[in-house]
Protein backbone atom coordinates (compact mmCIF):
# COMPACT_ATOMS: atom_id res chain seq x y z
CA MET A 1 0.00 0.00 0.00
CA LYS A 2 1.34 3.43 -0.96
CA ALA A 3 1.67 6.33 1.48
CA ASP A 4 0.69 9.99 1.13
CA VAL A 5 2.96 12.99 1.77
CA ALA A 6 2.32 12.66 5.51
CA GLY A 7 3.35 9.01 5.49
CA LYS A 8 -0.18 7.70 5.99
CA PRO A 9 -1.21 4.62 3.99
CA VAL A 10 -3.34 5.35 0.91
CA GLN A 11 -6.03 2.84 0.06
CA ALA A 12 -6.18 1.76 -3.58
CA ILE A 13 -9.24 2.97 -5.49
CA GLU A 14 -10.30 0.79 -8.40
CA VAL A 15 -13.26 0.52 -10.73
CA ALA A 16 -13.63 -2.86 -12.45
CA GLY A 17 -10.10 -3.71 -11.32
CA CYS A 18 -8.55 -0.57 -12.88
CA ASP A 19 -6.83 2.19 -10.92
CA THR A 20 -6.51 4.80 -13.70
CA ILE A 21 -8.91 6.22 -16.28
CA PRO A 22 -6.90 5.03 -19.33
CA ARG A 23 -6.77 1.46 -17.99
CA LEU A 24 -10.51 1.48 -17.34
CA PHE A 25 -11.23 2.92 -20.78
CA HIS A 26 -8.91 0.36 -22.41
CA ARG A 27 -10.68 -2.46 -20.58
CA ARG A 28 -14.16 -1.27 -21.54
CA VAL A 29 -13.18 -0.95 -25.20
CA ALA A 30 -11.82 -4.51 -25.15
CA GLU A 31 -14.84 -5.96 -23.30
CA TRP A 32 -17.66 -4.00 -24.93
CA GLY A 33 -16.19 -3.46 -28.41
CA ALA A 34 -19.34 -3.92 -30.53
CA ARG A 35 -21.76 -2.47 -27.99
CA THR A 36 -23.02 1.09 -28.31
CA ALA A 37 -20.97 3.59 -26.32
CA PHE A 38 -23.13 6.62 -27.16
CA ARG A 39 -25.51 8.01 -29.77
CA GLU A 40 -25.61 11.34 -31.59
CA LYS A 41 -28.52 12.76 -33.56
CA ARG A 42 -27.50 13.78 -37.08
CA LEU A 43 -30.07 14.98 -39.63
CA GLY A 44 -32.84 13.79 -37.34
CA ILE A 45 -31.50 10.24 -36.98
CA TRP A 46 -29.76 8.83 -33.93
CA ARG A 47 -26.38 7.43 -34.99
CA ALA A 48 -24.65 4.90 -32.73
CA THR A 49 -20.93 4.81 -32.03
CA SER A 50 -19.54 1.54 -30.70
CA TRP A 51 -16.94 1.21 -27.98
CA HIS A 52 -14.54 -0.10 -30.62
CA GLU A 53 -15.00 3.05 -32.73
CA TYR A 54 -14.76 5.24 -29.63
CA GLY A 55 -11.52 3.53 -28.62
CA ASP A 56 -9.93 3.81 -32.07
CA ARG A 57 -10.72 7.51 -32.47
CA ALA A 58 -9.50 8.34 -28.98
CA LYS A 59 -6.31 6.39 -29.66
CA TRP A 60 -5.70 8.21 -32.95
CA VAL A 61 -6.27 11.60 -31.31
CA GLY A 62 -3.77 10.75 -28.59
CA LEU A 63 -1.14 9.33 -30.91
CA GLY A 64 -1.67 12.19 -33.36
CA LEU A 65 -0.88 14.65 -30.59
CA VAL A 66 2.17 12.59 -29.57
CA SER A 67 3.39 12.78 -33.18
CA LEU A 68 3.05 16.57 -32.94
CA GLY A 69 5.16 16.67 -29.78
CA LEU A 70 2.80 16.17 -26.84
CA ARG A 71 4.64 14.85 -23.80
CA ARG A 72 3.38 13.16 -20.66
CA GLY A 73 2.05 15.69 -18.16
CA GLU A 74 1.46 18.47 -20.70
CA VAL A 75 -1.94 20.16 -20.89
CA VAL A 76 -4.34 20.04 -23.82
CA SER A 77 -7.37 22.35 -23.74
CA ILE A 78 -10.74 21.70 -25.40
CA LEU A 79 -12.98 24.63 -26.35
CA ALA A 80 -16.27 23.17 -27.61
CA GLU A 81 -19.83 22.23 -26.83
CA THR A 82 -20.46 18.62 -25.80
CA LYS A 83 -20.05 16.43 -28.87
CA PRO A 84 -18.36 13.15 -29.87
CA GLU A 85 -15.09 14.87 -30.82
CA TRP A 86 -14.91 16.22 -27.27
CA LEU A 87 -15.00 12.65 -25.97
CA TYR A 88 -12.37 11.43 -28.43
CA ALA A 89 -10.10 14.32 -27.53
CA ASP A 90 -10.57 13.92 -23.79
CA MET A 91 -9.85 10.20 -23.69
CA GLY A 92 -7.10 10.48 -26.28
CA VAL A 93 -5.23 13.11 -24.30
CA ILE A 94 -5.62 11.21 -21.04
CA GLY A 95 -4.66 7.92 -22.69
CA VAL A 96 -1.22 9.15 -23.76
CA GLY A 97 -0.50 10.75 -20.39
CA GLY A 98 -1.60 14.31 -21.10
CA VAL A 99 -3.79 16.50 -18.91
CA SER A 100 -7.23 17.37 -20.26
CA ASN A 101 -8.64 20.84 -19.63
CA GLY A 102 -12.08 21.98 -20.76
CA ILE A 103 -12.78 25.64 -21.50
CA TYR A 104 -16.32 27.01 -21.36
CA PRO A 105 -17.54 27.54 -24.95
CA THR A 106 -19.17 30.78 -23.78
CA ASP A 107 -15.85 32.26 -22.61
CA SER A 108 -14.58 35.42 -24.26
CA SER A 109 -11.25 35.73 -26.06
CA ARG A 110 -9.72 37.31 -22.98
CA GLN A 111 -10.93 34.46 -20.76
CA VAL A 112 -9.60 31.89 -23.23
CA GLU A 113 -6.24 33.66 -23.20
CA TYR A 114 -6.10 33.60 -19.40
CA ILE A 115 -6.91 29.88 -19.11
CA LEU A 116 -4.54 28.85 -21.90
CA ASN A 117 -1.67 30.68 -20.23
CA ASP A 118 -2.55 29.79 -16.65
CA SER A 119 -2.81 26.08 -17.54
CA GLY A 120 0.28 26.15 -19.76
CA SER A 121 -1.69 24.47 -22.56
CA ARG A 122 0.42 23.14 -25.43
CA PHE A 123 -2.45 22.24 -27.74
CA LEU A 124 -5.98 23.53 -28.21
CA LEU A 125 -8.92 21.73 -29.80
CA VAL A 126 -11.80 23.97 -30.85
CA GLU A 127 -15.26 23.21 -32.16
CA ASN A 128 -15.61 25.58 -35.11
CA GLU A 129 -14.79 28.94 -36.69
CA GLU A 130 -16.38 30.89 -33.85
CA GLN A 131 -14.18 29.25 -31.23
CA LEU A 132 -11.10 29.42 -33.44
CA ASP A 133 -11.58 33.19 -33.79
CA LYS A 134 -11.36 33.56 -30.01
CA TYR A 135 -7.90 32.07 -30.05
CA LEU A 136 -6.76 33.97 -33.12
CA ASP A 137 -7.70 37.23 -31.37
CA VAL A 138 -5.15 36.50 -28.61
CA ARG A 139 -2.67 34.26 -30.40
CA GLU A 140 0.26 36.66 -29.97
CA ARG A 141 -0.18 36.47 -26.19
CA CYS A 142 -0.18 32.65 -26.02
CA PRO A 143 3.35 31.81 -27.23
CA GLN A 144 3.49 28.36 -25.62
CA LEU A 145 0.64 26.94 -27.73
CA ARG A 146 1.91 24.72 -30.55
CA LYS A 147 -1.14 23.69 -32.58
CA VAL A 148 -4.88 24.31 -32.81
CA ILE A 149 -7.13 21.51 -34.06
CA VAL A 150 -10.61 22.31 -35.43
CA PHE A 151 -13.51 19.83 -35.26
CA ASP A 152 -15.89 21.48 -37.75
CA LEU A 153 -14.38 23.23 -40.80
CA GLU A 154 -17.60 24.86 -42.01
CA GLY A 155 -16.65 28.37 -43.16
CA LEU A 156 -12.96 27.47 -43.05
CA ALA A 157 -12.57 25.52 -46.30
CA ALA A 158 -10.26 28.14 -47.82
CA TYR A 159 -8.51 29.04 -44.56
CA ARG A 160 -4.81 28.24 -44.39
CA ASP A 161 -2.68 28.63 -41.27
CA PRO A 162 0.41 26.56 -40.39
CA GLN A 163 -0.67 26.44 -36.75
CA VAL A 164 -4.21 25.23 -37.49
CA LEU A 165 -5.04 21.61 -38.27
CA ALA A 166 -8.31 19.86 -39.15
CA PHE A 167 -9.53 17.16 -36.77
CA ASP A 168 -9.56 14.59 -39.58
CA GLU A 169 -5.92 15.39 -40.27
CA LEU A 170 -5.12 14.74 -36.61
CA LEU A 171 -6.84 11.35 -36.83
CA ALA A 172 -4.82 10.52 -39.95
CA LEU A 173 -1.60 11.45 -38.14
CA GLY A 174 -2.61 9.14 -35.31
CA ARG A 175 -3.36 6.22 -37.61
CA ASN A 176 -0.02 6.61 -39.36
CA TYR A 177 1.80 6.93 -36.05
CA GLU A 178 0.14 3.73 -34.82
CA THR A 179 1.38 1.91 -37.93
CA ASP A 180 4.94 2.97 -37.14
CA HIS A 181 4.58 2.43 -33.36
CA PRO A 182 2.00 -0.38 -32.94
CA GLU A 183 2.68 -0.96 -29.23
CA LEU A 184 2.89 2.65 -28.11
CA TRP A 185 -0.76 3.23 -27.17
CA ASP A 186 -0.82 0.21 -24.86
CA GLU A 187 2.51 1.24 -23.36
CA LEU A 188 1.31 4.75 -22.62
CA VAL A 189 -1.96 3.51 -21.14
CA ASN A 190 -0.13 1.06 -18.87
CA ALA A 191 2.30 3.79 -17.79
CA SER A 192 -0.53 5.80 -16.19
CA ALA A 193 -0.42 6.13 -12.40
CA PRO A 194 -3.28 6.78 -9.92
CA GLU A 195 -1.66 9.80 -8.27
CA LYS A 196 -0.77 11.61 -11.50
CA LEU A 197 -2.62 14.72 -12.65
CA VAL A 198 -5.26 13.92 -15.27
CA LEU A 199 -7.80 16.79 -15.35
CA LEU A 200 -7.92 20.52 -14.82
CA VAL A 201 -11.35 21.95 -14.02
CA TYR A 202 -11.51 25.74 -13.96
CA THR A 203 -13.99 27.67 -11.88
CA SER A 204 -16.27 30.14 -13.64
CA GLY A 205 -14.35 33.14 -12.35
CA THR A 206 -17.39 35.07 -11.11
CA THR A 207 -15.62 36.28 -7.94
CA GLY A 208 -12.09 36.59 -9.34
CA PRO A 209 -9.74 35.00 -11.86
CA PRO A 210 -10.71 31.37 -12.66
CA LYS A 211 -8.83 28.80 -10.62
CA GLY A 212 -7.87 25.40 -11.97
CA ALA A 213 -8.77 22.48 -9.71
CA MET A 214 -6.21 19.71 -10.17
CA LEU A 215 -7.63 16.18 -10.24
CA CYS A 216 -5.65 12.95 -10.36
CA HIS A 217 -6.93 9.54 -11.46
CA ARG A 218 -7.71 8.58 -7.84
CA ASN A 219 -9.89 11.66 -7.44
CA VAL A 220 -11.96 10.83 -10.49
CA LEU A 221 -12.28 7.08 -9.87
CA PHE A 222 -13.38 7.72 -6.30
CA LEU A 223 -16.66 9.25 -7.50
CA PRO A 224 -18.62 6.49 -9.36
CA PRO A 225 -18.53 3.85 -6.57
CA LYS A 226 -19.25 6.50 -3.96
CA MET A 227 -22.21 7.85 -5.92
CA ILE A 228 -23.66 4.34 -6.26
CA GLU A 229 -23.05 3.71 -2.57
CA ASN A 230 -24.80 6.94 -1.58
CA PHE A 231 -27.63 6.23 -4.01
CA ILE A 232 -28.24 2.83 -2.39
CA GLU A 233 -27.83 4.23 1.13
CA SER A 234 -30.46 6.87 0.44
CA GLY A 235 -33.04 4.11 -0.02
CA VAL A 236 -33.73 5.24 -3.58
CA GLY A 237 -33.10 2.71 -6.32
CA ARG A 238 -32.07 -0.06 -3.93
CA ALA A 239 -33.68 -2.70 -6.08
CA SER A 240 -32.29 -1.39 -9.34
CA VAL A 241 -28.64 -0.79 -8.44
CA GLY A 242 -26.98 -3.28 -6.10
CA ASP A 243 -25.45 -6.08 -8.13
CA GLU A 244 -26.69 -4.47 -11.35
CA ALA A 245 -24.07 -1.72 -11.27
CA GLU A 246 -21.57 -3.63 -13.40
CA ARG A 247 -23.93 -4.57 -16.22
CA GLN A 248 -26.15 -2.65 -18.56
CA MET A 249 -29.77 -2.46 -17.46
CA THR A 250 -32.51 -3.55 -19.83
CA ARG A 251 -35.32 -1.19 -20.79
CA SER A 252 -37.69 -2.82 -18.28
CA GLN A 253 -35.16 -2.47 -15.49
CA VAL A 254 -34.69 1.19 -16.31
CA ASP A 255 -38.46 1.70 -16.25
CA ARG A 256 -38.74 -0.02 -12.89
CA ALA A 257 -35.86 2.04 -11.49
CA VAL A 258 -37.43 5.30 -12.67
CA ALA A 259 -40.79 4.27 -11.22
CA GLU A 260 -39.20 3.50 -7.86
CA VAL A 261 -37.34 6.80 -7.79
CA LYS A 262 -40.55 8.69 -8.53
CA GLU A 263 -42.47 6.74 -5.90
CA LYS A 264 -39.89 7.35 -3.19
CA ALA A 265 -39.24 10.96 -4.18
CA VAL A 266 -42.89 11.93 -3.61
CA SER A 267 -43.53 9.70 -0.59
CA LEU A 268 -43.80 12.63 1.81
CA GLU A 269 -44.55 10.46 4.83
CA GLN A 270 -40.97 9.15 4.68
CA ILE A 271 -39.33 12.56 4.89
CA PRO A 272 -39.55 13.16 8.69
CA ALA A 273 -38.10 9.71 9.35
CA LEU A 274 -35.25 10.38 6.94
CA ALA A 275 -34.58 13.73 8.57
CA GLU A 276 -34.44 12.14 12.01
CA ARG A 277 -31.74 9.80 10.71
CA GLY A 278 -29.68 12.80 9.63
CA ARG A 279 -30.44 12.59 5.92
CA PRO A 280 -30.65 15.83 3.94
CA TRP A 281 -34.01 17.01 2.68
CA ASN A 282 -34.56 20.15 0.65
CA GLN A 283 -36.79 23.19 0.87
CA ALA A 284 -39.05 21.94 -1.90
CA HIS A 285 -40.02 18.95 0.22
CA GLN A 286 -40.57 21.22 3.20
CA ARG A 287 -42.98 23.37 1.19
CA LEU A 288 -44.81 20.25 0.03
CA LEU A 289 -45.22 19.13 3.63
CA GLU A 290 -46.55 22.53 4.65
CA ASN A 291 -49.05 22.52 1.77
CA ARG A 292 -50.12 18.97 2.66
CA SER A 293 -51.01 19.94 6.23
């Protein structure tokens, strides 16, 4: 068992036998390859992406960045709305030992400049022309940034800039780099360590300059089991979670779980008993009780 800076033993935190995010991702891709990882609606139709496809694209993003000079521990920022490319970038960066940092897509050019410099970002992935323009406005004041990768090239077909690269070009770089270094992705994934920095999460900056919270693999992996534990402890969803946590629920199980949550959430008679046991209950429930009386 490892010890912390004060010499106290540190308990290992694992999810499905994995103590880092890249190892867990690698395992899920191997185990669930053909299963759907997520869906995206395009032209009114929900399109599925399998775990195998998710894993390949994340790998090519990571190796593409390595081919461009990314080193372990360096920061890569992502300036985009939630979309599949965000996921590929996030897991790709983490997989090769980089540090992933999301930037609010509503941030101004000045805010983007501050976060890029404060985080020491070496690469920036942006969603589209609008987000690229924010960087270009402050480019001269971000000298440490090497490359900018753009997800959506709409409006940028004729744009040429040696620092700017299309996302598809990054994927192609990654595929070629994998051909030349077929074992590298696995090596980098296996080199990850629980105590190493993996994510930066910046505050909104409403009361001062944004501050970057530094999260290691242990911090992130601590959350899912604890959330499930708290969910079960609360008495909500006891029948639907339990031993089901490690396997995908069927539609009927989801329906039953939702029905149970709804039933327990509006069972006002239970609230005083829960409060007496020290469980939190919110003002909305209090108002409902007052209206009921």
